[in-house]
Amino acid sequence: MGFHKRWISREQIVNRYTNEGIQSVIDWVNNADAIVSSDSFSSDFTDLMTIARKTTTTNGYHRCLSGMIDREIDKSS
């Protein structure tokens, strides 16, 4: 078995969220053995995933992560 390292970026997170939804983003990030963030947004997003998973309900977790991505999309528009 190999070690699966995933490089993620803001663009990948936003595109996956827009096309497939928050659960797809969560599964995609969690499916790797290690995450390498290529920008501050993706780094902050993975940090929030870790914190929110420990402190909120499933609905709260999804809302929290979706909200962060939605704010990023709004900033870009």
Protein backbone atom coordinates (compact mmCIF):
# COMPACT_ATOMS: atom_id res chain seq x y z
CA MET A 1 0.00 0.00 0.00
CA GLY A 2 1.23 3.47 -0.82
CA PHE A 3 1.06 6.78 0.96
CA HIS A 4 -1.52 9.04 -0.70
CA LYS A 5 -0.57 12.73 -0.59
CA ARG A 6 -3.10 15.22 -1.95
CA TRP A 7 -2.21 18.74 -3.09
CA ILE A 8 -5.21 21.04 -2.76
CA SER A 9 -5.90 24.61 -3.78
CA ARG A 10 -8.62 27.19 -3.48
CA GLU A 11 -9.67 26.60 -7.08
CA GLN A 12 -10.04 22.85 -6.58
CA ILE A 13 -12.12 23.29 -3.43
CA VAL A 14 -14.40 25.90 -5.00
CA ASN A 15 -14.84 23.93 -8.24
CA ARG A 16 -15.64 20.68 -6.46
CA TYR A 17 -18.07 22.46 -4.11
CA THR A 18 -19.81 24.24 -6.99
CA ASN A 19 -20.12 21.11 -9.14
CA GLU A 20 -20.59 18.33 -6.58
CA GLY A 21 -21.45 19.83 -3.18
CA ILE A 22 -19.92 20.00 0.27
CA GLN A 23 -19.98 16.26 0.97
CA SER A 24 -17.86 15.66 -2.11
CA VAL A 25 -15.29 18.21 -0.89
CA ILE A 26 -15.20 16.60 2.56
CA ASP A 27 -14.79 13.09 1.13
CA TRP A 28 -12.13 14.24 -1.32
CA VAL A 29 -10.02 15.90 1.40
CA ASN A 30 -10.53 13.11 3.95
CA ASN A 31 -9.60 10.41 1.43
CA ALA A 32 -5.91 11.34 1.49
CA ASP A 33 -3.23 10.26 3.95
CA ALA A 34 -1.67 13.73 3.88
CA ILE A 35 -2.80 17.14 2.66
CA VAL A 36 -0.53 19.76 1.14
CA SER A 37 -2.24 23.14 0.82
CA SER A 38 -1.05 25.40 -1.97
CA ASP A 39 -2.57 28.63 -0.64
CA SER A 40 -3.86 30.22 2.55
CA PHE A 41 -7.53 29.52 1.79
CA SER A 42 -7.02 25.77 1.40
CA SER A 43 -4.84 25.71 4.52
CA ASP A 44 -7.48 27.59 6.52
CA PHE A 45 -10.18 25.31 5.10
CA THR A 46 -8.44 22.11 6.20
CA ASP A 47 -7.78 23.63 9.63
CA LEU A 48 -11.47 24.48 9.94
CA MET A 49 -12.40 20.94 8.87
CA THR A 50 -10.40 19.57 11.79
CA ILE A 51 -11.76 22.03 14.36
CA ALA A 52 -15.38 21.94 13.21
CA ARG A 53 -15.46 18.13 13.09
CA LYS A 54 -14.57 18.02 16.78
CA THR A 55 -16.90 20.77 17.97
CA THR A 56 -20.12 20.70 15.93
CA THR A 57 -22.90 18.40 14.79
CA THR A 58 -22.90 17.01 11.25
CA ASN A 59 -25.29 19.74 10.07
CA GLY A 60 -23.22 22.41 11.79
CA TYR A 61 -20.07 20.94 10.26
CA HIS A 62 -21.49 21.11 6.74
CA ARG A 63 -22.91 24.63 7.25
CA CYS A 64 -19.61 25.89 8.66
CA LEU A 65 -17.55 24.56 5.75
CA SER A 66 -20.12 25.58 3.13
CA GLY A 67 -20.22 29.08 4.61
CA MET A 68 -16.46 29.45 4.31
CA ILE A 69 -16.52 28.41 0.65
CA ASP A 70 -19.56 30.58 -0.10
CA ARG A 71 -17.79 33.63 1.37
CA GLU A 72 -14.75 32.87 -0.77
CA ILE A 73 -16.91 32.60 -3.88
CA ASP A 74 -18.65 35.91 -3.02
CA LYS A 75 -15.26 37.57 -2.55
CA SER A 76 -14.23 36.49 -6.04
CA SER A 77 -17.41 37.68 -7.74
